[in-house]
């Protein structure tokens, strides 16, 4: 997790945290504090894709300020138990999985239509 926090701080604050990788004495808690401070007055969108267990999320969520600036956090997982614990609210099938199933069921049709959350999307499997 420390590497993830270092990478995040470095990418978000290149000027302020240009030497983040030399901070060998910083523990995970200090990285969390620094990231919270950096995000405090900012509006952000964070996408955490494919969470496999809750322990990483539990540690990461403390770094994300609840700043009332309209920030949003999108979390995805394929594991139902993890989804319930981290608060993933909607169950949607991954578009890639839906496309694979559609192609497998009708491999001779290059243009397929399939329903995603009540809306039709056209996918061209040759592109």
Foldseek 3Di string as FASTA:
>chain_A
DLVVLLVVCCVVPVPVNVPVVVPPVDDLVNSLVVLLVVCQPPAEEAEAEADDACPVVVSNVSSHDPRPPNHYYHYDHPDPVRCVVNVVDDDWDDPVVVVVVVCVVPVVDQWDWDDTPRDIDIDGNVD
